[in-house]
Amino acid sequence: MLIEMHAHTSRHSACSRVDPVRLVERVRMKGLQGLVITEHEYLWSSSEIEELKEKAGVDETFVLLAAQEVNTDIGHVLVYGADQSITGTHPLGELRKRYPHAAFVWAHPLRKGRTPKTSRLLSPDLDAIEIFNNNHTSRDNYHGLMLWHRHRFTAISGSDTHGVETAGTLPTLFDHPVRDMDGLVEELKQGRCRPLYKEIPKAGGNALVEEISLGTKGGDEFRQRIIVKRAKAAGRWGALKQSSEVLKHVHSHGFSSGPFRVPLVKDIDERDRLVIEEGQRGKSLFDLLIRVGHDAGREYFRAAALWLARLHTSDMELDLVEKTISRERHRFETYRRAFEESSSPWLNQARELIDAVRVFEEDLLANSRHEFVLVHGDYHPKNIIIGQELMHDTGTLYVSVVDFGSVLEFHPAFDVGYFISQFQNQFRDYPAVIESYPVEDFVRAWLDASGRHDSPGFRRALALFRIRANLSIASYLIHLGMGEGRNMEEIMNRSMELLAGGGA
């Protein structure tokens, strides 16, 4: 059972802008089964609650209750089950003695970056801790989640509604049905409740990644999502921080809204070496192309090309050329070493491919820096998120791209070639997808949107950057102990064809 546990109305809380009837309507629209109004220092009477039920048109299937938010020596505490309004500021211990049968919940204890003492979190005077709250930052909510995991106290969440847009966004899930205040208090005291959220670990290069979704979606499809990235080791924090700074820069230069986006970086925490990003609503291009119909898939495929063209024509400069030089030279040595140390049967071909791409890149670095743009560096279907603001309105379609740990300043064909090679490799087991979405369609869409002309020089660059991406894939296969399989054979043969000018 989902209940909004923390909400204020304009009737009895001067800080709130929400009409009580509108509050009830909004909470029901969000799919919740109950609402507890928690005014500051005021307890709604039973007659007021009955009147509100009638005005809002709710029946016995919706639970509407009243509690209050009280000032104490530890801050604000939600008091459920007291029989009168509690005004003024009181020591928590005295309130506990005065209302032994009520349930006490510490409200937004992590607000403004505070870290509650363990003794407070586990105090016998408190029945639960509100770990998620809209007046917490994303960092505060994540901190609350970690404290809950560590100490295993009873936890709830509450929207702390003061405006209708947040009502019902952070409900608490009760394990058993609640029908009245006595039942609510009993469930709180027995710990048979918890915040509604999902916590999913994800793969990451330099970081341990978690995707956390708070609350529930309603009619407006809103849900708080955050991505938390922790450096895997102290030495990797610099790379994680730098990629997040790049992401912030891109977000602030035309990629914050509309059809082309990147996640918002909400916090870069030096102390705990973690980054919090806004989670992206939608599915990866990879997941979509193996599931959707051809017409929808073509639109998504083309949209991915348009996002890339938008990045390449954005005129952003981050002074990354020296990083590009250093990283690419290091990569070629890494690839060569992978083939040599594994005694790969493809060693001679790999040396020929590496030398050809390395010479080509060195020539670009020496003579063509005027063509360089900001490139994503790891542009592939699993890093491309397709979403819609409204589920049934295709006009609200957008593309958002994640993982900026490989950003470079380089020739734009790098990203296009990388995408093609990764597309062909990732969908190797889905030949119908490769056939349905010709990579030439991607190239043409990118060329048209970026205003670049097709030419033999561009095609040569595209082929060599596809080889560069194939070398990266091959090196990874060797790392996994799969350097002599069928997939490796296909990649190396395709690369040799590209080098000879016969690959498409």
Protein backbone atom coordinates (compact mmCIF):
# COMPACT_ATOMS: atom_id res chain seq x y z
CA MET A 1 0.00 0.00 0.00
CA LEU A 2 1.42 3.38 -1.03
CA ILE A 3 0.87 6.36 1.24
CA GLU A 4 2.03 9.96 1.04
CA MET A 5 3.37 10.50 4.56
CA HIS A 6 4.42 14.16 4.53
CA ALA A 7 2.30 16.90 2.98
CA HIS A 8 1.26 20.46 3.80
CA THR A 9 -1.75 22.42 2.62
CA SER A 10 -2.44 26.12 2.25
CA ARG A 11 -5.27 25.87 4.77
CA HIS A 12 -3.08 25.42 7.85
CA SER A 13 0.55 25.81 6.70
CA ALA A 14 1.50 29.32 5.60
CA CYS A 15 4.47 27.93 3.65
CA SER A 16 2.28 25.78 1.39
CA ARG A 17 0.59 26.74 -1.89
CA VAL A 18 -1.52 23.58 -2.21
CA ASP A 19 -5.29 23.63 -1.83
CA PRO A 20 -6.36 20.56 0.19
CA VAL A 21 -8.77 19.27 -2.46
CA ARG A 22 -6.13 19.67 -5.16
CA LEU A 23 -3.63 17.84 -2.95
CA VAL A 24 -5.93 14.83 -2.58
CA GLU A 25 -6.63 14.80 -6.33
CA ARG A 26 -2.94 14.94 -7.16
CA VAL A 27 -1.99 12.14 -4.76
CA ARG A 28 -4.72 9.90 -6.18
CA MET A 29 -3.60 10.73 -9.72
CA LYS A 30 -0.10 9.53 -8.79
CA GLY A 31 -1.60 6.12 -8.03
CA LEU A 32 -1.31 6.23 -4.22
CA GLN A 33 -3.85 4.66 -1.87
CA GLY A 34 -3.46 7.05 1.03
CA LEU A 35 -2.44 10.51 2.24
CA VAL A 36 -1.42 11.83 5.62
CA ILE A 37 -1.67 15.63 5.95
CA THR A 38 1.14 16.84 8.24
CA GLU A 39 0.69 20.55 8.87
CA HIS A 40 3.20 22.53 10.89
CA GLU A 41 2.07 22.52 14.53
CA TYR A 42 -1.56 21.82 13.60
CA LEU A 43 -3.64 18.65 13.67
CA TRP A 44 -6.68 18.55 11.42
CA SER A 45 -9.85 17.62 13.31
CA SER A 46 -11.87 14.57 12.33
CA SER A 47 -14.67 16.84 11.09
CA GLU A 48 -12.23 18.70 8.79
CA ILE A 49 -11.00 15.40 7.39
CA GLU A 50 -14.55 14.20 6.71
CA GLU A 51 -15.40 17.48 5.01
CA LEU A 52 -12.29 17.19 2.82
CA LYS A 53 -13.20 13.62 1.88
CA GLU A 54 -16.59 14.79 0.71
CA LYS A 55 -15.22 17.75 -1.26
CA ALA A 56 -12.54 15.63 -2.89
CA GLY A 57 -15.00 12.86 -3.69
CA VAL A 58 -13.00 10.02 -2.13
CA ASP A 59 -14.55 6.77 -0.94
CA GLU A 60 -13.47 4.20 1.63
CA THR A 61 -10.80 2.78 -0.70
CA PHE A 62 -8.64 5.89 -0.17
CA VAL A 63 -7.17 6.49 3.29
CA LEU A 64 -7.08 10.15 4.35
CA LEU A 65 -5.47 10.86 7.72
CA ALA A 66 -3.99 13.76 9.69
CA ALA A 67 -0.74 14.04 11.64
CA GLN A 68 1.59 17.01 12.24
CA GLU A 69 5.15 18.28 11.92
CA VAL A 70 6.52 19.38 15.27
CA ASN A 71 9.58 21.42 16.31
CA THR A 72 11.97 19.56 18.63
CA ASP A 73 15.51 19.88 19.89
CA ILE A 74 16.73 17.63 17.07
CA GLY A 75 14.76 19.45 14.35
CA HIS A 76 11.40 18.67 12.76
CA VAL A 77 9.66 15.46 13.75
CA LEU A 78 6.53 13.99 12.17
CA VAL A 79 4.15 12.91 14.91
CA TYR A 80 1.52 10.35 13.96
CA GLY A 81 -1.20 9.54 16.50
CA ALA A 82 -1.13 12.48 18.94
CA ASP A 83 -4.61 13.67 19.94
CA GLN A 84 -3.96 17.43 19.83
CA SER A 85 -1.96 20.12 18.04
CA ILE A 86 1.57 20.51 19.41
CA THR A 87 2.93 24.05 19.24
CA GLY A 88 6.29 25.47 20.22
CA THR A 89 9.63 23.67 20.48
CA HIS A 90 10.01 20.63 22.74
CA PRO A 91 12.75 18.19 23.76
CA LEU A 92 12.17 14.95 21.87
CA GLY A 93 12.40 12.88 25.05
CA GLU A 94 9.63 14.88 26.72
CA LEU A 95 7.35 14.49 23.69
CA ARG A 96 7.99 10.74 23.74
CA LYS A 97 6.88 10.56 27.38
CA ARG A 98 3.82 12.73 26.71
CA TYR A 99 2.68 10.70 23.67
CA PRO A 100 3.98 7.15 24.25
CA HIS A 101 1.51 5.59 21.84
CA ALA A 102 2.28 7.96 18.91
CA ALA A 103 4.82 7.20 16.19
CA PHE A 104 7.71 9.66 15.81
CA VAL A 105 9.58 10.06 12.52
CA TRP A 106 12.59 12.35 12.09
CA ALA A 107 11.79 14.59 9.11
CA HIS A 108 14.43 15.45 6.45
CA PRO A 109 17.36 14.92 8.85
CA LEU A 110 19.97 15.17 6.08
CA ARG A 111 18.81 18.52 4.72
CA LYS A 112 21.58 21.01 3.88
CA GLY A 113 24.20 18.27 3.88
CA ARG A 114 23.87 17.34 7.54
CA THR A 115 25.12 13.96 8.74
CA PRO A 116 23.06 12.71 11.70
CA LYS A 117 24.86 10.95 14.50
CA THR A 118 24.31 7.21 14.63
CA SER A 119 22.97 7.52 18.17
CA ARG A 120 20.25 9.86 16.89
CA LEU A 121 19.31 7.60 13.99
CA LEU A 122 18.96 4.65 16.38
CA SER A 123 17.33 6.60 19.21
CA PRO A 124 14.51 4.68 20.97
CA ASP A 125 12.54 7.94 20.93
CA LEU A 126 12.23 7.66 17.14
CA ASP A 127 10.21 5.02 15.31
CA ALA A 128 11.53 5.78 11.82
CA ILE A 129 13.74 8.11 9.77
CA GLU A 130 12.60 9.96 6.65
CA ILE A 131 15.52 9.22 4.32
CA PHE A 132 14.00 10.56 1.06
CA ASN A 133 12.50 14.03 0.94
CA ASN A 134 12.06 16.62 -1.80
CA ASN A 135 13.80 19.16 0.44
CA HIS A 136 16.89 16.96 0.40
CA THR A 137 19.31 17.31 -2.47
CA SER A 138 20.05 14.23 -4.56
CA ARG A 139 23.24 13.88 -2.52
CA ASP A 140 21.23 14.04 0.73
CA ASN A 141 18.80 11.37 -0.46
CA TYR A 142 21.65 9.11 -1.51
CA HIS A 143 23.36 9.68 1.83
CA GLY A 144 20.13 8.70 3.58
CA LEU A 145 19.94 5.52 1.54
CA MET A 146 23.51 4.58 2.48
CA LEU A 147 22.84 5.24 6.18
CA TRP A 148 19.72 3.06 6.01
CA HIS A 149 21.67 0.24 4.39
CA ARG A 150 24.40 0.56 7.01
CA HIS A 151 22.28 0.80 10.17
CA ARG A 152 19.02 -0.92 9.10
CA PHE A 153 16.64 1.34 11.03
CA THR A 154 13.03 1.74 9.93
CA ALA A 155 12.85 4.23 7.06
CA ILE A 156 10.13 6.08 5.20
CA SER A 157 10.01 8.67 2.44
CA GLY A 158 7.80 11.74 2.09
CA SER A 159 7.35 14.35 -0.58
CA ASP A 160 7.15 17.20 1.98
CA THR A 161 4.66 18.79 -0.38
CA HIS A 162 4.39 22.57 -0.43
CA GLY A 163 3.51 22.79 -4.14
CA VAL A 164 1.20 20.54 -6.12
CA GLU A 165 3.94 19.46 -8.51
CA THR A 166 5.70 17.41 -5.80
CA ALA A 167 2.62 15.83 -4.22
CA GLY A 168 2.77 12.06 -4.09
CA THR A 169 6.23 11.82 -5.66
CA LEU A 170 7.93 10.09 -2.71
CA PRO A 171 5.45 7.70 -1.12
CA THR A 172 6.10 5.08 1.54
CA LEU A 173 5.27 1.44 0.82
CA PHE A 174 3.45 -0.37 3.64
CA ASP A 175 3.59 -4.17 3.67
CA HIS A 176 0.03 -4.51 4.91
CA PRO A 177 -3.18 -2.48 4.40
CA VAL A 178 -3.66 0.56 6.62
CA ARG A 179 -7.19 1.76 7.37
CA ASP A 180 -6.81 4.26 10.22
CA MET A 181 -4.24 6.12 12.30
CA ASP A 182 -3.92 3.32 14.85
CA GLY A 183 -3.04 0.93 12.06
CA LEU A 184 -0.53 3.37 10.57
CA VAL A 185 1.18 3.85 13.93
CA GLU A 186 1.38 0.09 14.48
CA GLU A 187 2.99 -0.51 11.09
CA LEU A 188 5.54 2.26 11.71
CA LYS A 189 6.42 0.95 15.15
CA GLN A 190 6.81 -2.59 13.84
CA GLY A 191 8.93 -1.44 10.88
CA ARG A 192 6.61 -2.92 8.29
CA CYS A 193 7.20 -0.15 5.76
CA ARG A 194 9.94 1.31 3.59
CA PRO A 195 10.54 3.98 0.94
CA LEU A 196 9.40 3.13 -2.58
CA TYR A 197 12.53 3.01 -4.73
CA LYS A 198 14.66 0.85 -7.03
CA GLU A 199 18.42 0.46 -6.77
CA ILE A 200 20.15 -1.21 -9.72
CA PRO A 201 23.92 -1.71 -10.12
CA LYS A 202 25.32 -0.90 -13.57
CA ALA A 203 28.58 -1.54 -15.37
CA GLY A 204 31.11 1.28 -15.55
CA GLY A 205 34.68 1.80 -16.71
CA ASN A 206 36.35 3.94 -14.04
CA ALA A 207 33.43 3.82 -11.63
CA LEU A 208 31.02 1.68 -9.67
CA VAL A 209 27.63 2.79 -10.94
CA GLU A 210 24.16 2.61 -9.38
CA GLU A 211 20.87 3.71 -10.89
CA ILE A 212 18.39 4.77 -8.22
CA SER A 213 14.74 5.57 -8.93
CA LEU A 214 12.75 7.23 -6.16
CA GLY A 215 8.99 7.19 -5.84
CA THR A 216 6.37 6.28 -8.37
CA LYS A 217 5.21 7.54 -11.73
CA GLY A 218 1.75 9.00 -12.13
CA GLY A 219 -0.20 10.69 -14.90
CA ASP A 220 2.64 13.08 -15.69
CA GLU A 221 5.18 10.20 -15.76
CA PHE A 222 7.49 12.04 -13.33
CA ARG A 223 9.91 10.08 -11.17
CA GLN A 224 13.17 11.10 -9.57
CA ARG A 225 16.12 9.18 -11.00
CA ILE A 226 19.76 9.56 -10.08
CA ILE A 227 22.91 7.84 -11.25
CA VAL A 228 25.61 7.52 -8.60
CA LYS A 229 29.19 6.90 -9.75
CA ARG A 230 31.93 6.03 -7.30
CA ALA A 231 35.57 5.83 -8.36
CA LYS A 232 36.70 2.21 -8.33
CA ALA A 233 40.05 3.28 -6.89
CA ALA A 234 41.62 6.49 -5.69
CA GLY A 235 43.69 6.70 -8.86
CA ARG A 236 40.56 6.73 -11.01
CA TRP A 237 38.86 9.63 -9.29
CA GLY A 238 40.63 12.17 -11.51
CA ALA A 239 39.29 10.55 -14.69
CA LEU A 240 35.77 10.30 -13.28
CA LYS A 241 35.81 13.90 -12.11
CA GLN A 242 37.14 15.15 -15.45
CA SER A 243 34.48 13.30 -17.44
CA SER A 244 31.82 14.82 -15.18
CA GLU A 245 33.20 18.31 -15.70
CA VAL A 246 33.03 17.72 -19.46
CA LEU A 247 29.44 16.52 -19.11
CA LYS A 248 28.56 19.69 -17.19
CA HIS A 249 30.09 21.77 -19.96
CA VAL A 250 28.16 19.96 -22.69
CA HIS A 251 24.91 20.19 -20.72
CA SER A 252 25.31 23.95 -20.38
CA HIS A 253 25.96 24.40 -24.11
CA GLY A 254 22.63 23.46 -25.63
CA PHE A 255 22.11 19.91 -24.38
CA SER A 256 19.91 20.51 -21.32
CA SER A 257 16.48 20.12 -22.94
CA GLY A 258 14.74 19.61 -26.25
CA PRO A 259 15.46 16.74 -28.64
CA PHE A 260 19.20 16.56 -27.87
CA ARG A 261 20.35 16.13 -24.27
CA VAL A 262 22.91 14.85 -21.82
CA PRO A 263 22.38 14.11 -18.12
CA LEU A 264 22.59 16.92 -15.59
CA VAL A 265 25.49 16.57 -13.15
CA LYS A 266 23.90 17.23 -9.78
CA ASP A 267 26.92 16.86 -7.54
CA ILE A 268 30.65 16.19 -7.69
CA ASP A 269 31.66 15.09 -4.20
CA GLU A 270 35.41 15.37 -3.61
CA ARG A 271 35.22 13.95 -0.11
CA ASP A 272 33.52 10.67 -0.96
CA ARG A 273 34.81 10.61 -4.56
CA LEU A 274 31.41 10.21 -6.08
CA VAL A 275 29.39 11.90 -8.80
CA ILE A 276 25.62 12.14 -8.90
CA GLU A 277 23.91 12.59 -12.25
CA GLU A 278 20.30 12.97 -13.20
CA GLY A 279 19.01 9.60 -14.38
CA GLN A 280 17.80 9.43 -17.95
CA ARG A 281 14.26 8.30 -18.65
CA GLY A 282 14.09 5.95 -21.62
CA LYS A 283 15.84 2.90 -23.06
CA SER A 284 19.12 2.43 -24.86
CA LEU A 285 19.15 2.39 -28.64
CA PHE A 286 20.44 -1.18 -28.39
CA ASP A 287 17.45 -2.33 -26.33
CA LEU A 288 14.99 -0.56 -28.60
CA LEU A 289 16.26 -1.75 -31.98
CA ILE A 290 15.88 -5.40 -31.01
CA ARG A 291 12.29 -4.83 -29.86
CA VAL A 292 10.50 -2.10 -31.80
CA GLY A 293 8.97 -2.09 -35.27
CA HIS A 294 10.95 -0.96 -38.28
CA ASP A 295 9.35 2.49 -38.62
CA ALA A 296 10.00 3.42 -35.00
CA GLY A 297 13.48 1.92 -35.17
CA ARG A 298 14.39 4.00 -38.24
CA GLU A 299 13.34 7.15 -36.41
CA TYR A 300 15.48 6.25 -33.40
CA PHE A 301 18.43 5.27 -35.60
CA ARG A 302 18.26 8.58 -37.44
CA ALA A 303 17.82 10.54 -34.20
CA ALA A 304 21.08 9.06 -32.92
CA ALA A 305 22.87 10.40 -36.02
CA LEU A 306 21.29 13.82 -35.53
CA TRP A 307 22.44 14.01 -31.89
CA LEU A 308 25.99 13.30 -32.99
CA ALA A 309 25.83 15.95 -35.71
CA ARG A 310 24.57 18.42 -33.12
CA LEU A 311 27.57 17.70 -30.90
CA HIS A 312 30.01 18.07 -33.79
CA THR A 313 28.54 21.43 -34.87
CA SER A 314 28.23 22.90 -31.37
CA ASP A 315 31.56 24.80 -31.55
CA MET A 316 32.50 23.70 -28.05
CA GLU A 317 36.19 23.84 -27.23
CA LEU A 318 37.79 22.16 -24.22
CA ASP A 319 41.49 22.23 -25.17
CA LEU A 320 41.72 18.44 -25.37
CA VAL A 321 44.09 18.01 -28.33
CA GLU A 322 47.06 17.07 -26.14
CA LYS A 323 44.89 14.53 -24.36
CA THR A 324 43.87 13.15 -27.74
CA ILE A 325 47.50 12.73 -28.82
CA SER A 326 48.51 11.07 -25.56
CA ARG A 327 45.52 8.76 -25.38
CA GLU A 328 45.65 7.58 -28.98
CA ARG A 329 49.37 6.80 -28.84
CA HIS A 330 48.81 4.89 -25.63
CA ARG A 331 45.88 3.00 -27.18
CA PHE A 332 47.93 1.81 -30.15
CA GLU A 333 50.62 0.48 -27.83
CA THR A 334 47.96 -1.27 -25.76
CA TYR A 335 46.44 -2.91 -28.83
CA ARG A 336 49.82 -4.05 -30.13
CA ARG A 337 50.76 -5.48 -26.74
CA ALA A 338 47.45 -7.37 -26.48
CA PHE A 339 48.07 -9.18 -29.79
CA GLU A 340 51.75 -9.83 -29.04
CA GLU A 341 51.40 -11.10 -25.48
CA SER A 342 48.54 -13.43 -26.44
CA SER A 343 50.49 -14.85 -29.40
CA SER A 344 47.46 -14.04 -31.50
CA PRO A 345 47.21 -15.76 -34.89
CA TRP A 346 46.15 -12.33 -36.14
CA LEU A 347 49.34 -10.61 -34.99
CA ASN A 348 50.72 -9.75 -38.44
CA GLN A 349 47.39 -8.34 -39.63
CA ALA A 350 47.03 -6.41 -36.37
CA ARG A 351 50.46 -4.81 -36.83
CA GLU A 352 49.54 -3.76 -40.36
CA LEU A 353 46.21 -2.29 -39.20
CA ILE A 354 47.73 -0.49 -36.21
CA ASP A 355 50.50 1.05 -38.29
CA ALA A 356 48.06 2.24 -40.95
CA VAL A 357 45.67 3.90 -38.49
CA ARG A 358 48.50 5.34 -36.38
CA VAL A 359 50.14 6.98 -39.42
CA PHE A 360 46.77 8.34 -40.52
CA GLU A 361 46.03 9.82 -37.08
CA GLU A 362 49.51 11.36 -36.79
CA ASP A 363 48.95 13.04 -40.16
CA LEU A 364 45.64 14.44 -38.94
CA LEU A 365 47.26 15.75 -35.78
CA ALA A 366 50.01 17.41 -37.80
CA ASN A 367 47.97 18.87 -40.65
CA SER A 368 44.22 18.88 -39.97
CA ARG A 369 43.62 20.28 -36.50
CA HIS A 370 41.39 22.96 -38.02
CA GLU A 371 38.84 20.18 -38.68
CA PHE A 372 38.82 18.93 -35.08
CA VAL A 373 35.65 19.11 -33.00
CA LEU A 374 34.53 17.75 -29.65
CA VAL A 375 33.94 14.02 -30.13
CA HIS A 376 32.22 11.71 -27.68
CA GLY A 377 34.84 9.00 -28.12
CA ASP A 378 32.62 6.08 -27.09
CA TYR A 379 29.51 6.62 -29.19
CA HIS A 380 27.62 3.35 -29.51
CA PRO A 381 24.04 2.04 -29.17
CA LYS A 382 24.32 1.15 -25.48
CA ASN A 383 25.37 4.72 -24.57
CA ILE A 384 22.50 6.32 -26.49
CA ILE A 385 19.22 6.76 -24.59
CA ILE A 386 15.95 7.32 -26.45
CA GLY A 387 13.13 8.76 -24.39
CA GLN A 388 9.89 10.68 -24.58
CA GLU A 389 8.57 13.32 -22.21
CA LEU A 390 5.08 11.86 -22.67
CA MET A 391 4.67 8.17 -23.38
CA HIS A 392 2.07 8.52 -26.13
CA ASP A 393 3.37 11.71 -27.76
CA THR A 394 6.16 11.04 -30.28
CA GLY A 395 6.58 14.79 -30.63
CA THR A 396 8.29 14.75 -27.24
CA LEU A 397 11.02 12.31 -28.41
CA TYR A 398 14.56 13.09 -27.30
CA VAL A 399 18.02 11.55 -27.43
CA SER A 400 20.30 11.66 -24.41
CA VAL A 401 23.85 10.31 -24.41
CA VAL A 402 25.81 9.04 -21.41
CA ASP A 403 29.42 8.09 -20.53
CA PHE A 404 31.71 10.99 -21.41
CA GLY A 405 34.86 9.33 -20.08
CA SER A 406 36.44 9.08 -23.54
CA VAL A 407 35.80 12.60 -24.86
CA LEU A 408 38.43 13.91 -27.28
CA GLU A 409 39.03 16.82 -29.59
CA PHE A 410 39.45 15.09 -32.92
CA HIS A 411 38.18 14.58 -36.46
CA PRO A 412 34.37 14.07 -36.40
CA ALA A 413 34.63 10.90 -38.50
CA PHE A 414 36.05 9.26 -35.36
CA ASP A 415 32.60 9.10 -33.74
CA VAL A 416 30.83 8.06 -36.93
CA GLY A 417 33.29 5.24 -37.59
CA TYR A 418 33.24 4.15 -33.96
CA PHE A 419 29.44 3.97 -33.98
CA ILE A 420 29.38 1.85 -37.14
CA SER A 421 31.90 -0.67 -35.85
CA GLN A 422 30.24 -0.95 -32.46
CA PHE A 423 26.81 -1.22 -34.08
CA GLN A 424 27.96 -4.12 -36.21
CA ASN A 425 29.62 -5.85 -33.26
CA GLN A 426 26.86 -5.29 -30.69
CA PHE A 427 24.18 -6.56 -33.06
CA ARG A 428 26.25 -9.46 -34.33
CA ASP A 429 23.69 -11.90 -32.91
CA TYR A 430 20.82 -9.90 -34.42
CA PRO A 431 21.46 -10.00 -38.17
CA ALA A 432 17.92 -8.79 -38.89
CA VAL A 433 18.71 -5.54 -37.04
CA ILE A 434 21.88 -4.97 -39.05
CA GLU A 435 19.95 -5.61 -42.25
CA SER A 436 17.03 -3.37 -41.23
CA TYR A 437 19.21 -0.37 -40.34
CA PRO A 438 21.95 0.09 -42.96
CA VAL A 439 24.90 1.97 -41.52
CA GLU A 440 24.95 4.10 -44.67
CA ASP A 441 21.62 5.59 -43.53
CA PHE A 442 23.35 6.71 -40.34
CA VAL A 443 26.22 8.23 -42.30
CA ARG A 444 23.89 10.08 -44.67
CA ALA A 445 21.79 11.47 -41.83
CA TRP A 446 24.93 12.66 -40.05
CA LEU A 447 26.34 14.27 -43.21
CA ASP A 448 23.11 16.12 -43.95
CA ALA A 449 22.69 17.37 -40.38
CA SER A 450 26.33 18.37 -39.91
CA GLY A 451 26.56 20.17 -43.24
CA ARG A 452 29.64 18.21 -44.27
CA HIS A 453 30.28 17.03 -47.81
CA ASP A 454 30.81 13.44 -48.78
CA SER A 455 34.21 12.94 -50.38
CA PRO A 456 36.94 10.33 -50.91
CA GLY A 457 38.88 11.95 -48.07
CA PHE A 458 35.95 11.62 -45.67
CA ARG A 459 35.34 8.01 -46.72
CA ARG A 460 39.00 7.17 -46.15
CA ALA A 461 38.86 8.74 -42.70
CA LEU A 462 35.65 6.85 -41.93
CA ALA A 463 37.17 3.51 -42.96
CA LEU A 464 40.31 4.03 -40.88
CA PHE A 465 38.37 5.10 -37.81
CA ARG A 466 36.19 2.02 -38.20
CA ILE A 467 39.42 0.00 -38.13
CA ARG A 468 40.50 1.94 -35.03
CA ALA A 469 37.23 0.94 -33.31
CA ASN A 470 37.61 -2.66 -34.46
CA LEU A 471 41.07 -2.79 -32.89
CA SER A 472 39.54 -1.64 -29.62
CA ILE A 473 36.92 -4.40 -29.81
CA ALA A 474 39.53 -7.01 -30.75
CA SER A 475 41.76 -6.00 -27.86
CA TYR A 476 38.83 -6.40 -25.50
CA LEU A 477 38.05 -9.85 -26.89
CA ILE A 478 41.66 -10.88 -26.25
CA HIS A 479 41.32 -9.58 -22.69
CA LEU A 480 38.28 -11.83 -22.25
CA GLY A 481 40.13 -14.85 -23.62
CA MET A 482 38.10 -14.82 -26.83
CA GLY A 483 40.86 -13.78 -29.22
CA GLU A 484 40.60 -16.78 -31.53
CA GLY A 485 36.85 -17.12 -31.95
CA ARG A 486 34.51 -16.51 -34.85
CA ASN A 487 33.78 -12.95 -33.72
CA MET A 488 37.48 -12.11 -33.79
CA GLU A 489 37.81 -13.57 -37.26
CA GLU A 490 34.92 -11.44 -38.55
CA ILE A 491 36.34 -8.26 -37.03
CA MET A 492 39.83 -8.78 -38.40
CA ASN A 493 38.62 -9.76 -41.88
CA ARG A 494 36.33 -6.75 -41.99
CA SER A 495 39.19 -4.50 -40.92
CA MET A 496 41.51 -5.85 -43.62
CA GLU A 497 38.79 -5.27 -46.22
CA LEU A 498 38.41 -1.68 -45.00
CA LEU A 499 42.15 -1.13 -45.24
CA ALA A 500 42.18 -2.47 -48.78
CA GLY A 501 39.31 -0.18 -49.72
CA GLY A 502 36.74 -2.93 -50.18
CA GLY A 503 34.74 -2.51 -46.99
CA ALA A 504 31.43 -0.66 -46.68
